[in-house]
Amino acid sequence: MGVRELRNKIKNKEYERLDDKTKNKLITKEKTKINDFIKNPILIKNSYNYEKISESILKKLILEDLENFLTELGDGFAFIKNEYKIKIGGDYNYIDLLLFNIKFNCYVVVESKVTALKKEHIGQIQVYMNYIDKNIKSIYQDKTIGIIICKKGNSFVLEYSSDERIYETVYKLGSEV
């Protein structure tokens, strides 16, 4: 890691945005998981200084600075496609972002929401994750995980979700990231 990259990580307070459990794992050199490095909040550059945003604008901001977004998620993330089209029954659905994590050898479904996390979001991302697992991933890859990026977290919704492969993080817009 270069000096410039390290300064940028300090400036963006990456370490402070990790949860205490992850910090402890780093100190004790325990094995980490993919969700350990998903920062909360995740910083998204708002180059147009939007006051209010829609889901399409949030996706646009993410895609405009995709390299930074992937860095915010952690190590090993690679972009596959946005608005990834899948057919479930007779209907087409679109996954906001489909990523792959090289380090953890798994697909990552990302959904962006401009509201607080709701139980409907959990159901939606579970369907998408199960579709990827059944139709796209190989037997040599780990199960797909899901990340919901939302305006406000809701730990109670996640607490009662039976799928531990789903993670939520709150987004924070900034003019500089």
N, C-alpha and C. Protein backbone atom coordinates (compact mmCIF):
# COMPACT_ATOMS: atom_id res chain seq x y z
N MET A 1 0.86 -1.17 0.00
CA MET A 1 0.00 0.00 0.00
C MET A 1 0.90 1.23 0.00
N GLY A 2 0.60 2.17 -0.87
CA GLY A 2 1.39 3.39 -0.97
C GLY A 2 0.97 4.43 0.05
N VAL A 3 1.81 5.45 0.19
CA VAL A 3 1.55 6.53 1.13
C VAL A 3 0.26 7.27 0.79
N ARG A 4 0.03 7.51 -0.48
CA ARG A 4 -1.18 8.22 -0.92
C ARG A 4 -2.44 7.44 -0.54
N GLU A 5 -2.40 6.12 -0.79
CA GLU A 5 -3.55 5.28 -0.46
C GLU A 5 -3.79 5.24 1.05
N LEU A 6 -2.72 5.14 1.82
CA LEU A 6 -2.84 5.13 3.28
C LEU A 6 -3.41 6.44 3.80
N ARG A 7 -2.95 7.55 3.26
CA ARG A 7 -3.49 8.87 3.67
C ARG A 7 -4.98 8.96 3.37
N ASN A 8 -5.37 8.44 2.22
CA ASN A 8 -6.78 8.47 1.84
C ASN A 8 -7.62 7.62 2.78
N LYS A 9 -7.11 6.46 3.19
CA LYS A 9 -7.83 5.61 4.14
C LYS A 9 -7.98 6.31 5.49
N ILE A 10 -6.94 7.00 5.92
CA ILE A 10 -7.01 7.74 7.19
C ILE A 10 -8.01 8.89 7.07
N LYS A 11 -7.93 9.62 5.97
CA LYS A 11 -8.83 10.76 5.74
C LYS A 11 -10.30 10.32 5.74
N ASN A 12 -10.57 9.17 5.14
CA ASN A 12 -11.94 8.66 5.06
C ASN A 12 -12.36 7.87 6.29
N LYS A 13 -11.48 7.81 7.30
CA LYS A 13 -11.76 7.15 8.58
C LYS A 13 -12.25 5.71 8.38
N GLU A 14 -11.54 4.98 7.51
CA GLU A 14 -11.95 3.60 7.22
C GLU A 14 -11.93 2.73 8.47
N TYR A 15 -10.90 2.85 9.26
CA TYR A 15 -10.79 2.01 10.45
C TYR A 15 -11.93 2.31 11.43
N GLU A 16 -12.26 3.57 11.61
CA GLU A 16 -13.32 3.96 12.54
C GLU A 16 -14.68 3.45 12.11
N ARG A 17 -14.86 3.20 10.81
CA ARG A 17 -16.16 2.74 10.31
C ARG A 17 -16.30 1.22 10.35
N LEU A 18 -15.27 0.53 10.80
CA LEU A 18 -15.38 -0.91 11.02
C LEU A 18 -15.99 -1.14 12.39
N ASP A 19 -16.74 -2.23 12.55
CA ASP A 19 -17.34 -2.48 13.86
C ASP A 19 -16.28 -3.02 14.83
N ASP A 20 -16.60 -2.98 16.12
CA ASP A 20 -15.64 -3.39 17.16
C ASP A 20 -15.21 -4.85 17.03
N LYS A 21 -16.12 -5.70 16.59
CA LYS A 21 -15.82 -7.12 16.43
C LYS A 21 -14.71 -7.31 15.37
N THR A 22 -14.81 -6.57 14.28
CA THR A 22 -13.80 -6.65 13.22
C THR A 22 -12.47 -6.11 13.70
N LYS A 23 -12.50 -4.99 14.41
CA LYS A 23 -11.25 -4.42 14.94
C LYS A 23 -10.56 -5.42 15.85
N ASN A 24 -11.34 -6.11 16.68
CA ASN A 24 -10.78 -7.12 17.58
C ASN A 24 -10.18 -8.29 16.80
N LYS A 25 -10.84 -8.71 15.71
CA LYS A 25 -10.32 -9.79 14.87
C LYS A 25 -8.98 -9.39 14.25
N LEU A 26 -8.87 -8.13 13.84
CA LEU A 26 -7.62 -7.66 13.25
C LEU A 26 -6.49 -7.66 14.29
N ILE A 27 -6.81 -7.23 15.50
CA ILE A 27 -5.81 -7.18 16.58
C ILE A 27 -5.34 -8.58 16.95
N THR A 28 -6.30 -9.52 17.08
CA THR A 28 -5.96 -10.88 17.51
C THR A 28 -5.61 -11.80 16.33
N LYS A 29 -5.66 -11.25 15.12
CA LYS A 29 -5.32 -11.98 13.88
C LYS A 29 -6.21 -13.20 13.66
N GLU A 30 -7.49 -13.05 14.02
CA GLU A 30 -8.47 -14.11 13.77
C GLU A 30 -8.85 -14.10 12.29
N LYS A 31 -9.43 -15.21 11.84
CA LYS A 31 -9.90 -15.30 10.47
C LYS A 31 -11.08 -14.34 10.27
N THR A 32 -11.06 -13.62 9.17
CA THR A 32 -12.13 -12.66 8.88
C THR A 32 -13.05 -13.20 7.80
N LYS A 33 -14.24 -12.61 7.75
CA LYS A 33 -15.23 -12.95 6.74
C LYS A 33 -15.45 -11.72 5.87
N ILE A 34 -16.17 -11.92 4.80
CA ILE A 34 -16.41 -10.84 3.84
C ILE A 34 -17.11 -9.65 4.49
N ASN A 35 -18.05 -9.92 5.39
CA ASN A 35 -18.81 -8.83 6.00
C ASN A 35 -18.01 -8.04 7.02
N ASP A 36 -16.88 -8.57 7.46
CA ASP A 36 -16.08 -7.85 8.45
C ASP A 36 -15.54 -6.53 7.91
N PHE A 37 -15.40 -6.42 6.61
CA PHE A 37 -14.78 -5.22 6.05
C PHE A 37 -15.75 -4.30 5.33
N ILE A 38 -17.03 -4.61 5.40
CA ILE A 38 -18.02 -3.71 4.82
C ILE A 38 -18.19 -2.55 5.80
N LYS A 39 -17.80 -1.40 5.37
CA LYS A 39 -17.81 -0.25 6.27
C LYS A 39 -19.23 0.24 6.52
N ASN A 40 -19.41 0.88 7.67
CA ASN A 40 -20.73 1.41 8.02
C ASN A 40 -20.53 2.73 8.74
N PRO A 41 -20.84 3.86 8.13
CA PRO A 41 -21.50 4.00 6.83
C PRO A 41 -20.52 3.83 5.68
N ILE A 42 -21.09 3.55 4.51
CA ILE A 42 -20.32 3.48 3.29
C ILE A 42 -20.41 4.86 2.64
N LEU A 43 -19.28 5.40 2.23
CA LEU A 43 -19.25 6.75 1.66
C LEU A 43 -19.43 6.70 0.15
N ILE A 44 -20.38 7.49 -0.34
CA ILE A 44 -20.65 7.57 -1.77
C ILE A 44 -20.50 9.03 -2.18
N LYS A 45 -19.67 9.24 -3.19
CA LYS A 45 -19.38 10.60 -3.66
C LYS A 45 -20.62 11.19 -4.33
N ASN A 46 -21.01 12.37 -3.86
CA ASN A 46 -22.18 13.08 -4.40
C ASN A 46 -21.65 14.28 -5.18
N SER A 47 -21.11 14.02 -6.37
CA SER A 47 -20.46 15.06 -7.15
C SER A 47 -21.42 16.14 -7.63
N TYR A 48 -22.71 15.86 -7.64
CA TYR A 48 -23.70 16.86 -8.09
C TYR A 48 -24.41 17.53 -6.92
N ASN A 49 -24.02 17.19 -5.71
CA ASN A 49 -24.61 17.76 -4.48
C ASN A 49 -26.14 17.64 -4.45
N TYR A 50 -26.64 16.47 -4.78
CA TYR A 50 -28.08 16.22 -4.70
C TYR A 50 -28.53 16.35 -3.25
N GLU A 51 -29.64 17.03 -3.04
CA GLU A 51 -30.23 17.13 -1.70
C GLU A 51 -31.05 15.87 -1.41
N LYS A 52 -31.95 15.54 -2.32
CA LYS A 52 -32.77 14.33 -2.21
C LYS A 52 -32.41 13.44 -3.39
N ILE A 53 -32.39 12.14 -3.12
CA ILE A 53 -32.03 11.24 -4.20
C ILE A 53 -33.02 10.09 -4.31
N SER A 54 -33.13 9.58 -5.52
CA SER A 54 -33.94 8.40 -5.79
C SER A 54 -33.00 7.20 -5.89
N GLU A 55 -33.57 6.01 -5.99
CA GLU A 55 -32.71 4.82 -6.14
C GLU A 55 -31.90 4.90 -7.42
N SER A 56 -32.49 5.42 -8.50
CA SER A 56 -31.74 5.50 -9.76
C SER A 56 -30.57 6.49 -9.65
N ILE A 57 -30.76 7.59 -8.92
CA ILE A 57 -29.66 8.53 -8.72
C ILE A 57 -28.59 7.93 -7.83
N LEU A 58 -29.00 7.19 -6.80
CA LEU A 58 -28.02 6.53 -5.93
C LEU A 58 -27.18 5.54 -6.74
N LYS A 59 -27.82 4.75 -7.60
CA LYS A 59 -27.08 3.81 -8.45
C LYS A 59 -26.15 4.56 -9.40
N LYS A 60 -26.63 5.68 -9.93
CA LYS A 60 -25.80 6.50 -10.84
C LYS A 60 -24.55 7.00 -10.12
N LEU A 61 -24.71 7.49 -8.89
CA LEU A 61 -23.57 7.97 -8.12
C LEU A 61 -22.58 6.85 -7.83
N ILE A 62 -23.08 5.66 -7.52
CA ILE A 62 -22.22 4.51 -7.26
C ILE A 62 -21.43 4.16 -8.53
N LEU A 63 -22.12 4.08 -9.66
CA LEU A 63 -21.46 3.69 -10.91
C LEU A 63 -20.47 4.73 -11.41
N GLU A 64 -20.72 6.01 -11.13
CA GLU A 64 -19.79 7.06 -11.57
C GLU A 64 -18.45 6.95 -10.86
N ASP A 65 -18.45 6.45 -9.65
CA ASP A 65 -17.22 6.31 -8.89
C ASP A 65 -17.10 4.86 -8.41
N LEU A 66 -17.22 3.94 -9.37
CA LEU A 66 -17.28 2.51 -9.06
C LEU A 66 -16.03 2.02 -8.33
N GLU A 67 -14.87 2.51 -8.73
CA GLU A 67 -13.63 2.06 -8.08
C GLU A 67 -13.65 2.38 -6.58
N ASN A 68 -14.07 3.58 -6.23
CA ASN A 68 -14.16 3.96 -4.82
C ASN A 68 -15.20 3.11 -4.10
N PHE A 69 -16.34 2.87 -4.75
CA PHE A 69 -17.40 2.07 -4.14
C PHE A 69 -16.89 0.66 -3.82
N LEU A 70 -16.20 0.03 -4.76
CA LEU A 70 -15.66 -1.31 -4.53
C LEU A 70 -14.64 -1.30 -3.40
N THR A 71 -13.86 -0.24 -3.31
CA THR A 71 -12.89 -0.09 -2.22
C THR A 71 -13.61 0.05 -0.89
N GLU A 72 -14.72 0.80 -0.86
CA GLU A 72 -15.50 0.96 0.36
C GLU A 72 -16.04 -0.38 0.85
N LEU A 73 -16.39 -1.26 -0.08
CA LEU A 73 -16.92 -2.57 0.31
C LEU A 73 -15.84 -3.45 0.93
N GLY A 74 -14.60 -3.28 0.53
CA GLY A 74 -13.51 -4.09 1.07
C GLY A 74 -12.63 -4.65 -0.02
N ASP A 75 -11.84 -5.65 0.32
CA ASP A 75 -10.89 -6.25 -0.62
C ASP A 75 -11.53 -7.30 -1.51
N GLY A 76 -11.06 -7.36 -2.74
CA GLY A 76 -11.40 -8.46 -3.64
C GLY A 76 -12.69 -8.33 -4.42
N PHE A 77 -13.38 -7.20 -4.35
CA PHE A 77 -14.64 -7.05 -5.07
C PHE A 77 -14.38 -6.68 -6.53
N ALA A 78 -15.09 -7.34 -7.43
CA ALA A 78 -15.00 -7.06 -8.85
C ALA A 78 -16.41 -6.86 -9.41
N PHE A 79 -16.55 -5.92 -10.30
CA PHE A 79 -17.83 -5.58 -10.90
C PHE A 79 -18.16 -6.54 -12.03
N ILE A 80 -19.39 -7.05 -12.02
CA ILE A 80 -19.87 -7.88 -13.13
C ILE A 80 -20.83 -7.08 -14.00
N LYS A 81 -21.92 -6.57 -13.40
CA LYS A 81 -22.91 -5.84 -14.20
C LYS A 81 -23.89 -5.10 -13.29
N ASN A 82 -24.38 -3.98 -13.75
CA ASN A 82 -25.48 -3.32 -13.06
C ASN A 82 -26.76 -3.65 -13.81
N GLU A 83 -27.88 -3.59 -13.08
CA GLU A 83 -29.19 -3.98 -13.63
C GLU A 83 -29.09 -5.36 -14.29
N TYR A 84 -28.53 -6.31 -13.54
CA TYR A 84 -28.36 -7.67 -14.03
C TYR A 84 -29.73 -8.33 -14.17
N LYS A 85 -30.06 -8.72 -15.38
CA LYS A 85 -31.40 -9.22 -15.71
C LYS A 85 -31.50 -10.72 -15.41
N ILE A 86 -32.51 -11.07 -14.62
CA ILE A 86 -32.80 -12.48 -14.35
C ILE A 86 -34.29 -12.72 -14.61
N LYS A 87 -34.61 -13.94 -15.00
CA LYS A 87 -36.01 -14.28 -15.27
C LYS A 87 -36.47 -15.29 -14.23
N ILE A 88 -37.46 -14.90 -13.46
CA ILE A 88 -38.04 -15.77 -12.45
C ILE A 88 -39.48 -16.03 -12.86
N GLY A 89 -39.75 -17.28 -13.24
CA GLY A 89 -41.07 -17.60 -13.80
C GLY A 89 -41.21 -16.87 -15.12
N GLY A 90 -42.26 -16.11 -15.26
CA GLY A 90 -42.48 -15.34 -16.48
C GLY A 90 -42.06 -13.89 -16.37
N ASP A 91 -41.51 -13.51 -15.22
CA ASP A 91 -41.19 -12.10 -15.00
C ASP A 91 -39.68 -11.86 -15.00
N TYR A 92 -39.30 -10.70 -15.51
CA TYR A 92 -37.91 -10.28 -15.45
C TYR A 92 -37.69 -9.42 -14.21
N ASN A 93 -36.59 -9.64 -13.55
CA ASN A 93 -36.18 -8.85 -12.40
C ASN A 93 -34.78 -8.34 -12.68
N TYR A 94 -34.40 -7.28 -11.99
CA TYR A 94 -33.10 -6.66 -12.22
C TYR A 94 -32.37 -6.48 -10.89
N ILE A 95 -31.22 -7.11 -10.78
CA ILE A 95 -30.36 -6.96 -9.61
C ILE A 95 -29.61 -5.64 -9.79
N ASP A 96 -29.66 -4.77 -8.77
CA ASP A 96 -29.01 -3.46 -8.90
C ASP A 96 -27.56 -3.60 -9.32
N LEU A 97 -26.78 -4.35 -8.57
CA LEU A 97 -25.37 -4.59 -8.90
C LEU A 97 -25.04 -6.05 -8.63
N LEU A 98 -24.40 -6.69 -9.58
CA LEU A 98 -23.89 -8.02 -9.35
C LEU A 98 -22.37 -7.93 -9.34
N LEU A 99 -21.77 -8.35 -8.24
CA LEU A 99 -20.33 -8.31 -8.05
C LEU A 99 -19.83 -9.72 -7.81
N PHE A 100 -18.51 -9.86 -7.82
CA PHE A 100 -17.89 -11.12 -7.43
C PHE A 100 -16.75 -10.77 -6.50
N ASN A 101 -16.63 -11.53 -5.41
CA ASN A 101 -15.50 -11.30 -4.52
C ASN A 101 -14.48 -12.40 -4.76
N ILE A 102 -13.33 -11.98 -5.29
CA ILE A 102 -12.28 -12.91 -5.66
C ILE A 102 -11.67 -13.56 -4.42
N LYS A 103 -11.48 -12.76 -3.39
CA LYS A 103 -10.84 -13.25 -2.16
C LYS A 103 -11.68 -14.34 -1.48
N PHE A 104 -13.00 -14.17 -1.47
CA PHE A 104 -13.89 -15.12 -0.80
C PHE A 104 -14.62 -16.05 -1.77
N ASN A 105 -14.32 -15.93 -3.08
CA ASN A 105 -14.83 -16.82 -4.12
C ASN A 105 -16.35 -16.94 -4.11
N CYS A 106 -17.03 -15.78 -4.12
CA CYS A 106 -18.49 -15.82 -4.12
C CYS A 106 -19.07 -14.62 -4.87
N TYR A 107 -20.28 -14.84 -5.39
CA TYR A 107 -21.03 -13.73 -5.99
C TYR A 107 -21.58 -12.86 -4.88
N VAL A 108 -21.79 -11.59 -5.21
CA VAL A 108 -22.34 -10.63 -4.25
C VAL A 108 -23.45 -9.85 -4.95
N VAL A 109 -24.65 -9.96 -4.40
CA VAL A 109 -25.80 -9.22 -4.90
C VAL A 109 -25.93 -7.96 -4.06
N VAL A 110 -25.96 -6.80 -4.73
CA VAL A 110 -26.08 -5.53 -4.01
C VAL A 110 -27.38 -4.86 -4.43
N GLU A 111 -28.18 -4.50 -3.44
CA GLU A 111 -29.40 -3.74 -3.67
C GLU A 111 -29.28 -2.41 -2.95
N SER A 112 -29.67 -1.34 -3.62
CA SER A 112 -29.60 -0.01 -3.02
C SER A 112 -31.02 0.50 -2.76
N LYS A 113 -31.21 1.06 -1.58
CA LYS A 113 -32.51 1.56 -1.15
C LYS A 113 -32.33 2.96 -0.56
N VAL A 114 -33.25 3.85 -0.84
CA VAL A 114 -33.17 5.21 -0.30
C VAL A 114 -34.08 5.39 0.91
N THR A 115 -34.49 4.27 1.48
CA THR A 115 -35.32 4.29 2.69
C THR A 115 -34.58 3.52 3.78
N ALA A 116 -35.21 3.44 4.93
CA ALA A 116 -34.68 2.57 5.98
C ALA A 116 -34.86 1.12 5.54
N LEU A 117 -34.07 0.23 6.09
CA LEU A 117 -34.16 -1.19 5.77
C LEU A 117 -35.53 -1.73 6.19
N LYS A 118 -36.18 -2.47 5.27
CA LYS A 118 -37.49 -3.06 5.53
C LYS A 118 -37.44 -4.56 5.28
N LYS A 119 -38.38 -5.27 5.85
CA LYS A 119 -38.41 -6.73 5.68
C LYS A 119 -38.59 -7.12 4.22
N GLU A 120 -39.26 -6.30 3.45
CA GLU A 120 -39.44 -6.58 2.03
C GLU A 120 -38.11 -6.62 1.29
N HIS A 121 -37.16 -5.78 1.73
CA HIS A 121 -35.84 -5.75 1.10
C HIS A 121 -35.11 -7.07 1.32
N ILE A 122 -35.29 -7.64 2.53
CA ILE A 122 -34.66 -8.92 2.86
C ILE A 122 -35.21 -10.01 1.93
N GLY A 123 -36.52 -10.05 1.77
CA GLY A 123 -37.13 -11.05 0.90
C GLY A 123 -36.67 -10.91 -0.54
N GLN A 124 -36.59 -9.70 -1.02
CA GLN A 124 -36.16 -9.43 -2.39
C GLN A 124 -34.73 -9.94 -2.62
N ILE A 125 -33.82 -9.57 -1.73
CA ILE A 125 -32.43 -9.96 -1.93
C ILE A 125 -32.22 -11.46 -1.74
N GLN A 126 -33.02 -12.09 -0.87
CA GLN A 126 -32.93 -13.55 -0.70
C GLN A 126 -33.30 -14.27 -2.00
N VAL A 127 -34.33 -13.79 -2.66
CA VAL A 127 -34.74 -14.39 -3.93
C VAL A 127 -33.61 -14.26 -4.95
N TYR A 128 -33.01 -13.08 -5.04
CA TYR A 128 -31.93 -12.86 -6.00
C TYR A 128 -30.71 -13.74 -5.67
N MET A 129 -30.37 -13.84 -4.39
CA MET A 129 -29.23 -14.66 -3.98
C MET A 129 -29.48 -16.13 -4.32
N ASN A 130 -30.68 -16.60 -4.04
CA ASN A 130 -31.02 -18.00 -4.33
C ASN A 130 -31.00 -18.27 -5.84
N TYR A 131 -31.44 -17.30 -6.63
CA TYR A 131 -31.40 -17.44 -8.09
C TYR A 131 -29.96 -17.59 -8.57
N ILE A 132 -29.07 -16.73 -8.09
CA ILE A 132 -27.66 -16.79 -8.48
C ILE A 132 -27.06 -18.13 -8.07
N ASP A 133 -27.35 -18.56 -6.83
CA ASP A 133 -26.82 -19.85 -6.36
C ASP A 133 -27.29 -21.02 -7.22
N LYS A 134 -28.54 -20.99 -7.63
CA LYS A 134 -29.11 -22.11 -8.37
C LYS A 134 -28.76 -22.09 -9.86
N ASN A 135 -28.62 -20.90 -10.44
CA ASN A 135 -28.49 -20.80 -11.89
C ASN A 135 -27.14 -20.31 -12.41
N ILE A 136 -26.33 -19.69 -11.57
CA ILE A 136 -25.11 -19.08 -12.10
C ILE A 136 -23.84 -19.60 -11.43
N LYS A 137 -23.82 -19.69 -10.11
CA LYS A 137 -22.59 -20.09 -9.42
C LYS A 137 -22.24 -21.54 -9.71
N SER A 138 -20.95 -21.81 -9.68
CA SER A 138 -20.49 -23.19 -9.88
C SER A 138 -20.38 -23.89 -8.52
N ILE A 139 -20.20 -25.19 -8.54
CA ILE A 139 -20.08 -25.94 -7.30
C ILE A 139 -18.79 -25.61 -6.56
N TYR A 140 -17.84 -24.99 -7.25
CA TYR A 140 -16.55 -24.64 -6.65
C TYR A 140 -16.58 -23.28 -5.96
N GLN A 141 -17.67 -22.59 -6.07
CA GLN A 141 -17.79 -21.26 -5.48
C GLN A 141 -18.64 -21.32 -4.22
N ASP A 142 -18.36 -20.40 -3.30
CA ASP A 142 -19.13 -20.32 -2.07
C ASP A 142 -20.49 -19.70 -2.37
N LYS A 143 -21.41 -19.83 -1.40
CA LYS A 143 -22.76 -19.30 -1.56
C LYS A 143 -22.73 -17.78 -1.74
N THR A 144 -23.68 -17.30 -2.51
CA THR A 144 -23.83 -15.87 -2.77
C THR A 144 -24.19 -15.14 -1.48
N ILE A 145 -23.65 -13.94 -1.35
CA ILE A 145 -24.05 -13.09 -0.23
C ILE A 145 -24.80 -11.88 -0.77
N GLY A 146 -25.51 -11.19 0.10
CA GLY A 146 -26.27 -10.01 -0.29
C GLY A 146 -25.92 -8.84 0.59
N ILE A 147 -25.83 -7.68 -0.02
CA ILE A 147 -25.58 -6.44 0.70
C ILE A 147 -26.69 -5.46 0.33
N ILE A 148 -27.36 -4.94 1.35
CA ILE A 148 -28.38 -3.93 1.13
C ILE A 148 -27.82 -2.61 1.61
N ILE A 149 -27.73 -1.65 0.70
CA ILE A 149 -27.26 -0.32 1.05
C ILE A 149 -28.51 0.53 1.22
N CYS A 150 -28.69 1.09 2.41
CA CYS A 150 -29.93 1.81 2.70
C CYS A 150 -29.64 3.13 3.39
N LYS A 151 -30.67 3.95 3.47
CA LYS A 151 -30.52 5.26 4.10
C LYS A 151 -30.36 5.14 5.61
N LYS A 152 -31.10 4.20 6.20
CA LYS A 152 -31.06 4.02 7.65
C LYS A 152 -31.15 2.53 7.95
N GLY A 153 -30.30 2.07 8.84
CA GLY A 153 -30.29 0.66 9.19
C GLY A 153 -31.45 0.28 10.09
N ASN A 154 -31.67 -1.02 10.20
CA ASN A 154 -32.70 -1.54 11.09
C ASN A 154 -32.23 -2.90 11.58
N SER A 155 -31.52 -2.90 12.69
CA SER A 155 -30.93 -4.14 13.20
C SER A 155 -32.00 -5.16 13.58
N PHE A 156 -33.20 -4.72 13.90
CA PHE A 156 -34.27 -5.65 14.27
C PHE A 156 -34.70 -6.49 13.07
N VAL A 157 -34.78 -5.88 11.89
CA VAL A 157 -35.16 -6.63 10.69
C VAL A 157 -34.12 -7.69 10.41
N LEU A 158 -32.84 -7.33 10.49
CA LEU A 158 -31.78 -8.31 10.25
C LEU A 158 -31.73 -9.38 11.34
N GLU A 159 -32.01 -8.97 12.56
CA GLU A 159 -31.97 -9.91 13.69
C GLU A 159 -32.95 -11.05 13.48
N TYR A 160 -34.10 -10.76 12.90
CA TYR A 160 -35.12 -11.77 12.71
C TYR A 160 -35.09 -12.40 11.32
N SER A 161 -34.11 -12.03 10.52
CA SER A 161 -33.92 -12.68 9.23
C SER A 161 -33.15 -13.97 9.47
N SER A 162 -33.56 -15.04 8.83
CA SER A 162 -32.91 -16.33 9.05
C SER A 162 -31.66 -16.52 8.19
N ASP A 163 -31.37 -15.57 7.32
CA ASP A 163 -30.24 -15.72 6.40
C ASP A 163 -29.07 -14.85 6.85
N GLU A 164 -28.04 -15.49 7.35
CA GLU A 164 -26.87 -14.76 7.86
C GLU A 164 -25.93 -14.30 6.75
N ARG A 165 -26.31 -14.54 5.49
CA ARG A 165 -25.49 -14.08 4.36
C ARG A 165 -25.92 -12.71 3.87
N ILE A 166 -26.88 -12.09 4.56
CA ILE A 166 -27.37 -10.77 4.16
C ILE A 166 -26.82 -9.75 5.13
N TYR A 167 -26.27 -8.68 4.59
CA TYR A 167 -25.68 -7.61 5.40
C TYR A 167 -26.26 -6.29 4.94
N GLU A 168 -26.38 -5.38 5.89
CA GLU A 168 -26.83 -4.03 5.52
C GLU A 168 -25.78 -3.04 5.95
N THR A 169 -25.70 -1.99 5.17
CA THR A 169 -24.85 -0.86 5.52
C THR A 169 -25.58 0.40 5.12
N VAL A 170 -25.33 1.44 5.86
CA VAL A 170 -25.96 2.74 5.60
C VAL A 170 -25.05 3.53 4.67
N TYR A 171 -25.66 4.28 3.75
CA TYR A 171 -24.83 5.11 2.89
C TYR A 171 -24.79 6.53 3.42
N LYS A 172 -23.71 7.20 3.13
CA LYS A 172 -23.55 8.61 3.48
C LYS A 172 -23.01 9.30 2.26
N LEU A 173 -23.70 10.35 1.83
CA LEU A 173 -23.28 11.10 0.65
C LEU A 173 -22.29 12.19 1.06
N GLY A 174 -21.29 12.39 0.24
CA GLY A 174 -20.31 13.43 0.48
C GLY A 174 -19.80 14.01 -0.80
N SER A 175 -19.36 15.24 -0.77
CA SER A 175 -18.83 15.87 -2.00
C SER A 175 -17.43 15.35 -2.31
N GLU A 176 -16.71 14.94 -1.27
CA GLU A 176 -15.39 14.36 -1.47
C GLU A 176 -15.33 13.03 -0.75
N VAL A 177 -14.80 12.06 -1.43
CA VAL A 177 -14.64 10.74 -0.82
C VAL A 177 -13.22 10.29 -1.05
